[in-house]
C-alpha atoms as a PDB file:
ATOM      1  CA  MET A   1     -11.076  19.432  -3.908  1.00  0.00           C
ATOM      2  CA  PHE A   2     -11.574  15.865  -5.155  1.00  0.00           C
ATOM      3  CA  ARG A   3     -14.689  15.354  -2.993  1.00  0.00           C
ATOM      4  CA  ARG A   4     -16.426  13.574  -5.858  1.00  0.00           C
ATOM      5  CA  GLU A   5     -13.447  11.308  -6.486  1.00  0.00           C
ATOM      6  CA  LEU A   6     -13.104  10.414  -2.814  1.00  0.00           C
ATOM      7  CA  ALA A   7     -16.788   9.559  -2.516  1.00  0.00           C
ATOM      8  CA  PHE A   8     -16.499   7.449  -5.639  1.00  0.00           C
ATOM      9  CA  ALA A   9     -13.465   5.608  -4.253  1.00  0.00           C
ATOM     10  CA  HIS A  10     -15.355   4.845  -1.035  1.00  0.00           C
ATOM     11  CA  ASN A  11     -18.368   3.561  -2.953  1.00  0.00           C
ATOM     12  CA  VAL A  12     -16.188   1.350  -5.102  1.00  0.00           C
ATOM     13  CA  ALA A  13     -14.387   0.080  -1.990  1.00  0.00           C
ATOM     14  CA  ASP A  14     -17.776  -0.797  -0.431  1.00  0.00           C
ATOM     15  CA  ARG A  15     -18.664  -2.947  -3.430  1.00  0.00           C
ATOM     16  CA  ALA A  16     -15.168  -4.467  -3.547  1.00  0.00           C
ATOM     17  CA  ALA A  17     -15.553  -5.423   0.116  1.00  0.00           C
ATOM     18  CA  GLU A  18     -18.819  -7.208  -0.622  1.00  0.00           C
ATOM     19  CA  ILE A  19     -17.236  -9.143  -3.472  1.00  0.00           C
ATOM     20  CA  GLY A  20     -14.033  -9.919  -1.594  1.00  0.00           C
ATOM     21  CA  LEU A  21     -15.702 -11.032   1.629  1.00  0.00           C
ATOM     22  CA  GLY A  22     -18.150 -13.158  -0.329  1.00  0.00           C
ATOM     23  CA  PHE A  23     -15.291 -15.146  -1.812  1.00  0.00           C
ATOM     24  CA  PHE A  24     -13.199 -15.054   1.378  1.00  0.00           C
ATOM     25  CA  HIS A  25     -15.919 -16.619   3.502  1.00  0.00           C
ATOM     26  CA  GLY A  26     -17.108 -18.867   0.708  1.00  0.00           C
ATOM     27  CA  GLY A  27     -15.103 -20.638  -1.952  1.00  0.00           C
ATOM     28  CA  PHE A  28     -12.856 -19.543  -4.796  1.00  0.00           C
ATOM     29  CA  GLU A  29     -10.347 -20.796  -7.310  1.00  0.00           C
ATOM     30  CA  VAL A  30      -6.656 -19.894  -7.018  1.00  0.00           C
ATOM     31  CA  MET A  31      -4.748 -19.703 -10.303  1.00  0.00           C
ATOM     32  CA  THR A  32      -1.094 -19.019 -11.117  1.00  0.00           C
ATOM     33  CA  LYS A  33      -0.093 -16.113 -13.340  1.00  0.00           C
ATOM     34  CA  PRO A  34       2.827 -16.252 -15.807  1.00  0.00           C
ATOM     35  CA  ASP A  35       5.080 -14.595 -13.190  1.00  0.00           C
ATOM     36  CA  SER A  36       4.297 -17.508 -10.821  1.00  0.00           C
ATOM     37  CA  THR A  37       2.261 -15.335  -8.420  1.00  0.00           C
ATOM     38  CA  PRO A  38      -1.275 -16.330  -7.430  1.00  0.00           C
ATOM     39  CA  VAL A  39      -4.497 -14.731  -8.581  1.00  0.00           C
ATOM     40  CA  THR A  40      -7.991 -15.578  -7.371  1.00  0.00           C
ATOM     41  CA  GLU A  41     -11.477 -15.197  -8.739  1.00  0.00           C
ATOM     42  CA  ALA A  42     -11.904 -12.335  -6.277  1.00  0.00           C
ATOM     43  CA  ASP A  43      -8.960 -10.373  -7.750  1.00  0.00           C
ATOM     44  CA  LEU A  44     -10.427 -10.672 -11.237  1.00  0.00           C
ATOM     45  CA  ALA A  45     -13.988  -9.872 -10.206  1.00  0.00           C
ATOM     46  CA  ILE A  46     -13.030  -6.791  -8.197  1.00  0.00           C
ATOM     47  CA  GLU A  47     -10.786  -5.364 -10.899  1.00  0.00           C
ATOM     48  CA  ALA A  48     -13.465  -5.880 -13.548  1.00  0.00           C
ATOM     49  CA  MET A  49     -16.035  -4.119 -11.357  1.00  0.00           C
ATOM     50  CA  VAL A  50     -13.766  -1.157 -10.592  1.00  0.00           C
ATOM     51  CA  ARG A  51     -12.844  -0.691 -14.241  1.00  0.00           C
ATOM     52  CA  GLU A  52     -16.509  -0.750 -15.231  1.00  0.00           C
ATOM     53  CA  ARG A  53     -17.384   1.823 -12.573  1.00  0.00           C
ATOM     54  CA  ILE A  54     -14.528   4.136 -13.593  1.00  0.00           C
ATOM     55  CA  ALA A  55     -15.553   3.912 -17.247  1.00  0.00           C
ATOM     56  CA  GLU A  56     -19.080   4.962 -16.278  1.00  0.00           C
ATOM     57  CA  GLU A  57     -18.172   7.755 -13.851  1.00  0.00           C
ATOM     58  CA  PHE A  58     -14.891   9.094 -15.285  1.00  0.00           C
ATOM     59  CA  PRO A  59     -14.781   7.934 -18.912  1.00  0.00           C
ATOM     60  CA  GLY A  60     -11.753  10.031 -19.804  1.00  0.00           C
ATOM     61  CA  ASP A  61      -9.531   8.680 -17.026  1.00  0.00           C
ATOM     62  CA  ASP A  62      -6.824   6.067 -17.447  1.00  0.00           C
ATOM     63  CA  VAL A  63      -6.739   2.905 -15.328  1.00  0.00           C
ATOM     64  CA  LEU A  64      -3.630   1.021 -14.260  1.00  0.00           C
ATOM     65  CA  GLY A  65      -4.398  -2.241 -12.479  1.00  0.00           C
ATOM     66  CA  GLU A  66      -2.501  -5.294 -11.324  1.00  0.00           C
ATOM     67  CA  GLU A  67      -4.509  -7.863 -13.233  1.00  0.00           C
ATOM     68  CA  GLN A  68      -5.335  -6.114 -16.514  1.00  0.00           C
ATOM     69  CA  GLY A  69      -2.489  -3.628 -16.782  1.00  0.00           C
ATOM     70  CA  GLY A  70      -3.385  -0.391 -18.491  1.00  0.00           C
ATOM     71  CA  SER A  71      -1.746   2.933 -19.216  1.00  0.00           C
ATOM     72  CA  ASP A  72      -0.912   6.293 -17.685  1.00  0.00           C
ATOM     73  CA  THR A  73      -0.860   9.032 -20.304  1.00  0.00           C
ATOM     74  CA  GLY A  74       0.102  11.653 -17.726  1.00  0.00           C
ATOM     75  CA  GLY A  75      -3.327  13.088 -17.003  1.00  0.00           C
ATOM     76  CA  ARG A  76      -5.689  11.394 -14.568  1.00  0.00           C
ATOM     77  CA  THR A  77      -4.958   7.772 -13.741  1.00  0.00           C
ATOM     78  CA  TRP A  78      -6.678   5.449 -11.280  1.00  0.00           C
ATOM     79  CA  ILE A  79      -4.177   2.972  -9.815  1.00  0.00           C
ATOM     80  CA  LEU A  80      -5.759  -0.253  -8.588  1.00  0.00           C
ATOM     81  CA  ASP A  81      -4.758  -3.356  -6.686  1.00  0.00           C
ATOM     82  CA  PRO A  82      -8.003  -5.351  -6.402  1.00  0.00           C
ATOM     83  CA  ILE A  83      -6.621  -7.565  -3.649  1.00  0.00           C
ATOM     84  CA  ASP A  84      -3.288  -6.662  -2.143  1.00  0.00           C
ATOM     85  CA  ALA A  85      -1.823  -9.683  -0.305  1.00  0.00           C
ATOM     86  CA  THR A  86      -3.462 -12.270  -2.531  1.00  0.00           C
ATOM     87  CA  LYS A  87      -1.409 -15.015  -0.857  1.00  0.00           C
ATOM     88  CA  ASN A  88      -2.912 -14.025   2.493  1.00  0.00           C
ATOM     89  CA  PHE A  89      -6.376 -14.045   0.935  1.00  0.00           C
ATOM     90  CA  ALA A  90      -5.804 -17.508  -0.542  1.00  0.00           C
ATOM     91  CA  LEU A  91      -4.692 -18.778   2.890  1.00  0.00           C
ATOM     92  CA  ARG A  92      -7.731 -17.181   4.605  1.00  0.00           C
ATOM     93  CA  ILE A  93      -5.533 -14.697   6.479  1.00  0.00           C
ATOM     94  CA  GLN A  94      -7.478 -11.491   7.150  1.00  0.00           C
ATOM     95  CA  ILE A  95      -4.676  -9.099   6.145  1.00  0.00           C
ATOM     96  CA  TRP A  96      -5.704  -8.263   2.574  1.00  0.00           C
ATOM     97  CA  GLY A  97      -7.219  -5.200   1.023  1.00  0.00           C
ATOM     98  CA  THR A  98      -8.345  -3.266  -2.033  1.00  0.00           C
ATOM     99  CA  LEU A  99      -6.090  -0.317  -2.868  1.00  0.00           C
ATOM    100  CA  LEU A 100      -7.277   2.530  -5.082  1.00  0.00           C
ATOM    101  CA  ALA A 101      -5.483   5.792  -5.786  1.00  0.00           C
ATOM    102  CA  LEU A 102      -5.952   8.661  -8.219  1.00  0.00           C
ATOM    103  CA  ARG A 103      -2.822  10.209  -9.692  1.00  0.00           C
ATOM    104  CA  VAL A 104      -3.161  13.509 -11.545  1.00  0.00           C
ATOM    105  CA  GLU A 105      -0.265  14.732 -13.679  1.00  0.00           C
ATOM    106  CA  GLY A 106       2.148  12.603 -11.693  1.00  0.00           C
ATOM    107  CA  ASP A 107       0.940  13.542  -8.205  1.00  0.00           C
ATOM    108  CA  LEU A 108      -1.151  11.304  -5.969  1.00  0.00           C
ATOM    109  CA  LYS A 109      -4.381  13.097  -5.037  1.00  0.00           C
ATOM    110  CA  VAL A 110      -6.863  10.573  -3.613  1.00  0.00           C
ATOM    111  CA  ALA A 111      -6.383   7.220  -1.904  1.00  0.00           C
ATOM    112  CA  VAL A 112      -8.517   4.567  -0.252  1.00  0.00           C
ATOM    113  CA  VAL A 113      -7.109   1.459   1.421  1.00  0.00           C
ATOM    114  CA  SER A 114      -9.941  -0.910   2.310  1.00  0.00           C
ATOM    115  CA  ALA A 115      -9.261  -3.931   4.524  1.00  0.00           C
ATOM    116  CA  PRO A 116     -12.763  -5.323   5.138  1.00  0.00           C
ATOM    117  CA  ALA A 117     -11.703  -8.524   6.914  1.00  0.00           C
ATOM    118  CA  LEU A 118      -9.918  -6.307   9.459  1.00  0.00           C
ATOM    119  CA  GLY A 119     -12.739  -3.759   9.618  1.00  0.00           C
ATOM    120  CA  GLU A 120     -10.349  -0.978   8.536  1.00  0.00           C
ATOM    121  CA  ARG A 121     -10.783   1.733   5.900  1.00  0.00           C
ATOM    122  CA  TYR A 122      -8.000   4.271   5.372  1.00  0.00           C
ATOM    123  CA  ALA A 123      -8.495   7.319   3.163  1.00  0.00           C
ATOM    124  CA  ALA A 124      -6.625  10.467   2.163  1.00  0.00           C
ATOM    125  CA  VAL A 125      -6.871  13.503  -0.085  1.00  0.00           C
ATOM    126  CA  ARG A 126      -3.754  15.509  -0.852  1.00  0.00           C
ATOM    127  CA  GLY A 127      -3.532  18.450   1.539  1.00  0.00           C
ATOM    128  CA  GLU A 128      -6.476  17.313   3.677  1.00  0.00           C
ATOM    129  CA  GLY A 129      -4.991  14.662   5.975  1.00  0.00           C
ATOM    130  CA  ALA A 130      -5.633  10.956   6.404  1.00  0.00           C
ATOM    131  CA  THR A 131      -8.272   8.962   8.257  1.00  0.00           C
ATOM    132  CA  LEU A 132      -8.943   5.483   9.605  1.00  0.00           C
ATOM    133  CA  ASN A 133     -12.655   4.655   9.650  1.00  0.00           C
ATOM    134  CA  GLY A 134     -13.370   8.365   9.457  1.00  0.00           C
ATOM    135  CA  THR A 135     -11.099   9.427  12.325  1.00  0.00           C
ATOM    136  CA  ALA A 136      -7.957  11.468  11.650  1.00  0.00           C
ATOM    137  CA  ILE A 137      -4.645   9.620  12.037  1.00  0.00           C
ATOM    138  CA  ARG A 138      -1.079  10.825  12.535  1.00  0.00           C
ATOM    139  CA  VAL A 139       2.316   9.183  12.535  1.00  0.00           C
ATOM    140  CA  SER A 140       4.284   8.809  15.755  1.00  0.00           C
ATOM    141  CA  ARG A 141       7.014  11.189  16.899  1.00  0.00           C
ATOM    142  CA  VAL A 142       9.568   8.497  17.798  1.00  0.00           C
ATOM    143  CA  ALA A 143      12.929   9.919  16.764  1.00  0.00           C
ATOM    144  CA  ARG A 144      15.437   7.069  17.173  1.00  0.00           C
ATOM    145  CA  VAL A 145      15.766   3.702  15.465  1.00  0.00           C
ATOM    146  CA  ALA A 146      16.568   2.228  18.880  1.00  0.00           C
ATOM    147  CA  ASP A 147      13.059   3.187  20.035  1.00  0.00           C
ATOM    148  CA  ALA A 148      11.289   2.263  16.809  1.00  0.00           C
ATOM    149  CA  HIS A 149       8.828  -0.452  15.880  1.00  0.00           C
ATOM    150  CA  VAL A 150      10.392  -1.735  12.646  1.00  0.00           C
ATOM    151  CA  LEU A 151       8.285  -3.673  10.132  1.00  0.00           C
ATOM    152  CA  TYR A 152       9.396  -5.554   7.049  1.00  0.00           C
ATOM    153  CA  ALA A 153       8.067  -7.787   4.289  1.00  0.00           C
ATOM    154  CA  GLY A 154       9.824 -10.626   2.536  1.00  0.00           C
ATOM    155  CA  MET A 155      13.018 -10.965   4.552  1.00  0.00           C
ATOM    156  CA  LYS A 156      14.248 -13.621   2.115  1.00  0.00           C
ATOM    157  CA  THR A 157      15.429 -10.891  -0.274  1.00  0.00           C
ATOM    158  CA  PHE A 158      17.016  -8.918   2.555  1.00  0.00           C
ATOM    159  CA  LEU A 159      19.060 -11.938   3.637  1.00  0.00           C
ATOM    160  CA  ARG A 160      21.088 -11.685   0.423  1.00  0.00           C
ATOM    161  CA  PRO A 161      23.661  -9.040  -0.616  1.00  0.00           C
ATOM    162  CA  PRO A 162      24.012  -6.181  -1.165  1.00  0.00           C
ATOM    163  CA  ARG A 163      21.812  -4.818   1.621  1.00  0.00           C
ATOM    164  CA  ASN A 164      21.585  -7.794   3.943  1.00  0.00           C
ATOM    165  CA  GLY A 165      23.995  -6.421   6.553  1.00  0.00           C
ATOM    166  CA  ALA A 166      22.460  -2.943   6.731  1.00  0.00           C
ATOM    167  CA  VAL A 167      18.873  -4.204   6.782  1.00  0.00           C
ATOM    168  CA  LEU A 168      19.557  -6.815   9.447  1.00  0.00           C
ATOM    169  CA  ASP A 169      21.347  -4.225  11.587  1.00  0.00           C
ATOM    170  CA  LEU A 170      18.370  -1.856  11.245  1.00  0.00           C
ATOM    171  CA  VAL A 171      15.934  -4.596  12.198  1.00  0.00           C
ATOM    172  CA  ALA A 172      18.124  -5.779  15.064  1.00  0.00           C
ATOM    173  CA  GLU A 173      18.386  -2.291  16.569  1.00  0.00           C
ATOM    174  CA  GLY A 174      14.677  -1.549  16.604  1.00  0.00           C
ATOM    175  CA  SER A 175      12.916  -1.882  19.921  1.00  0.00           C
ATOM    176  CA  ARG A 176      10.337  -4.198  18.344  1.00  0.00           C
ATOM    177  CA  THR A 177      10.251  -5.920  14.955  1.00  0.00           C
ATOM    178  CA  ARG A 178       7.480  -7.719  13.112  1.00  0.00           C
ATOM    179  CA  GLY A 179       6.884  -9.039   9.609  1.00  0.00           C
ATOM    180  CA  PHE A 180       3.607  -7.221   8.966  1.00  0.00           C
ATOM    181  CA  GLY A 181       3.886  -7.130   5.201  1.00  0.00           C
ATOM    182  CA  ASP A 182       1.913  -5.813   2.274  1.00  0.00           C
ATOM    183  CA  PHE A 183      -0.221  -2.669   2.593  1.00  0.00           C
ATOM    184  CA  TRP A 184      -0.784  -3.183   6.319  1.00  0.00           C
ATOM    185  CA  GLY A 185       2.792  -2.455   7.361  1.00  0.00           C
ATOM    186  CA  HIS A 186       2.642   0.936   5.649  1.00  0.00           C
ATOM    187  CA  VAL A 187      -0.691   2.003   7.124  1.00  0.00           C
ATOM    188  CA  LEU A 188       0.453   0.894  10.583  1.00  0.00           C
ATOM    189  CA  VAL A 189       3.177   3.513  10.210  1.00  0.00           C
ATOM    190  CA  ALA A 190       0.581   6.031   9.038  1.00  0.00           C
ATOM    191  CA  ARG A 191      -1.559   5.530  12.122  1.00  0.00           C
ATOM    192  CA  GLY A 192       1.360   5.738  14.557  1.00  0.00           C
ATOM    193  CA  ALA A 193       1.541   2.044  15.475  1.00  0.00           C
ATOM    194  CA  ALA A 194       5.018   1.631  13.927  1.00  0.00           C
ATOM    195  CA  GLU A 195       7.838   3.874  12.758  1.00  0.00           C
ATOM    196  CA  ILE A 196       9.522   2.075   9.836  1.00  0.00           C
ATOM    197  CA  MET A 197       8.346  -0.271   7.086  1.00  0.00           C
ATOM    198  CA  ILE A 198      10.767  -1.611   4.461  1.00  0.00           C
ATOM    199  CA  GLU A 199      10.131  -3.560   1.273  1.00  0.00           C
ATOM    200  CA  PRO A 200      12.678  -4.599  -1.370  1.00  0.00           C
ATOM    201  CA  ASP A 201      10.477  -4.106  -4.444  1.00  0.00           C
ATOM    202  CA  LEU A 202       6.908  -3.025  -5.102  1.00  0.00           C
ATOM    203  CA  ASN A 203       4.763  -2.251  -8.104  1.00  0.00           C
ATOM    204  CA  VAL A 204       2.988   1.087  -8.267  1.00  0.00           C
ATOM    205  CA  TRP A 205      -0.415  -0.443  -7.452  1.00  0.00           C
ATOM    206  CA  ASP A 206       1.106  -1.871  -4.247  1.00  0.00           C
ATOM    207  CA  TYR A 207       2.380   1.431  -2.856  1.00  0.00           C
ATOM    208  CA  ALA A 208       0.392   4.314  -4.422  1.00  0.00           C
ATOM    209  CA  ALA A 209      -2.593   4.330  -2.047  1.00  0.00           C
ATOM    210  CA  PRO A 210      -0.616   3.555   1.159  1.00  0.00           C
ATOM    211  CA  GLN A 211       1.939   6.197   0.179  1.00  0.00           C
ATOM    212  CA  LEU A 212      -0.609   9.012   0.033  1.00  0.00           C
ATOM    213  CA  VAL A 213      -2.254   7.865   3.274  1.00  0.00           C
ATOM    214  CA  THR A 214       1.146   7.859   5.007  1.00  0.00           C
ATOM    215  CA  GLU A 215       2.218  11.220   3.624  1.00  0.00           C
ATOM    216  CA  GLU A 216      -1.071  12.844   4.590  1.00  0.00           C
ATOM    217  CA  ALA A 217      -0.663  11.395   8.098  1.00  0.00           C
ATOM    218  CA  GLY A 218       2.666  13.241   8.348  1.00  0.00           C
ATOM    219  CA  GLY A 219       5.004  10.458   7.277  1.00  0.00           C
ATOM    220  CA  ARG A 220       7.511  10.068   4.486  1.00  0.00           C
ATOM    221  CA  VAL A 221       7.825   7.490   1.699  1.00  0.00           C
ATOM    222  CA  THR A 222      10.868   7.038  -0.557  1.00  0.00           C
ATOM    223  CA  THR A 223      12.955   4.285  -2.047  1.00  0.00           C
ATOM    224  CA  MET A 224      15.577   2.783   0.255  1.00  0.00           C
ATOM    225  CA  ASP A 225      18.070   5.037  -1.548  1.00  0.00           C
ATOM    226  CA  GLY A 226      16.102   8.137  -0.613  1.00  0.00           C
ATOM    227  CA  GLY A 227      14.695   8.862  -4.051  1.00  0.00           C
ATOM    228  CA  PRO A 228      11.060   9.135  -5.138  1.00  0.00           C
ATOM    229  CA  THR A 229       9.098   5.905  -5.313  1.00  0.00           C
ATOM    230  CA  VAL A 230       9.215   4.148  -8.666  1.00  0.00           C
ATOM    231  CA  ASP A 231       7.373   1.175 -10.107  1.00  0.00           C
ATOM    232  CA  GLY A 232       9.349  -1.953  -9.277  1.00  0.00           C
ATOM    233  CA  GLY A 233      11.634  -0.181  -6.792  1.00  0.00           C
ATOM    234  CA  SER A 234      12.193  -0.515  -3.077  1.00  0.00           C
ATOM    235  CA  VAL A 235      10.055   1.354  -0.537  1.00  0.00           C
ATOM    236  CA  LEU A 236      10.942   2.852   2.826  1.00  0.00           C
ATOM    237  CA  THR A 237       7.961   4.193   4.753  1.00  0.00           C
ATOM    238  CA  SER A 238       8.539   6.042   8.024  1.00  0.00           C
ATOM    239  CA  ASN A 239       7.076   8.554  10.437  1.00  0.00           C
ATOM    240  CA  GLY A 240       9.335  11.143   8.784  1.00  0.00           C
ATOM    241  CA  VAL A 241      11.237  12.050  11.945  1.00  0.00           C
ATOM    242  CA  ILE A 242      13.314   8.894  11.745  1.00  0.00           C
ATOM    243  CA  HIS A 243      13.602   8.732   7.952  1.00  0.00           C
ATOM    244  CA  ASP A 244      17.038  10.258   7.414  1.00  0.00           C
ATOM    245  CA  GLU A 245      18.595   8.082  10.108  1.00  0.00           C
ATOM    246  CA  ALA A 246      17.059   4.994   8.498  1.00  0.00           C
ATOM    247  CA  LEU A 247      18.388   6.047   5.086  1.00  0.00           C
ATOM    248  CA  ARG A 248      21.898   6.525   6.477  1.00  0.00           C
ATOM    249  CA  ARG A 249      21.841   3.066   8.010  1.00  0.00           C
ATOM    250  CA  LEU A 250      20.523   1.450   4.857  1.00  0.00           C
ATOM    251  CA  ALA A 251      23.189   3.222   2.814  1.00  0.00           C
ATOM    252  CA  GLY A 252      25.727   1.309   4.842  1.00  0.00           C
ATOM    253  CA  GLY A 253      24.767  -1.769   2.859  1.00  0.00           C
END
């Protein structure tokens, strides 16, 4: 199922890569949005292209994107982040990507995470597993926080109450910790290179595609309270084996 949609997502990601890399290796303008976050010409160009392609190929589908908003009427919705990690992109750091997911009646079905400056393309279809550059990936089987590679994004928020103590204890106990933020931390968990990734708050276009990739690789994704992911909420991504232990430790905050 969803073969057509997956092929479409890959084709769109190919074009987004061309646009993104063209700006990344060339020149572009960085603007500031009303929420004080940056947006580049590449973000706007990629989102416009993806929306045009969806309108041509799937005219009845909704689109929900970071730059132009949109709606989800509960049927089929494409969820788009044209450039995740825009600040990295603006600083010429290679960790940025285009995230595209299809949600059908509330359930994620198709996802592509394209990181062209890293040479990485992650993809997943519900019930069919996840891949990196066409090769199947699986989460690790590490079962203890003490043995885990723990990733995090935006520690500034975690340094403040109410969770600062629990989060810092979790990070301190891990065998290795790194601040690999944005989409990349989540897909590193999906491919077995890390066990835990924590973020204090994410919009749906930030987590939808990485969530399906992680789940199809055998991992688990919830809020830091253990509930289902929600737009604007926290995100805990893990290899699944270690998830409940991580939740118990975070609850201590």
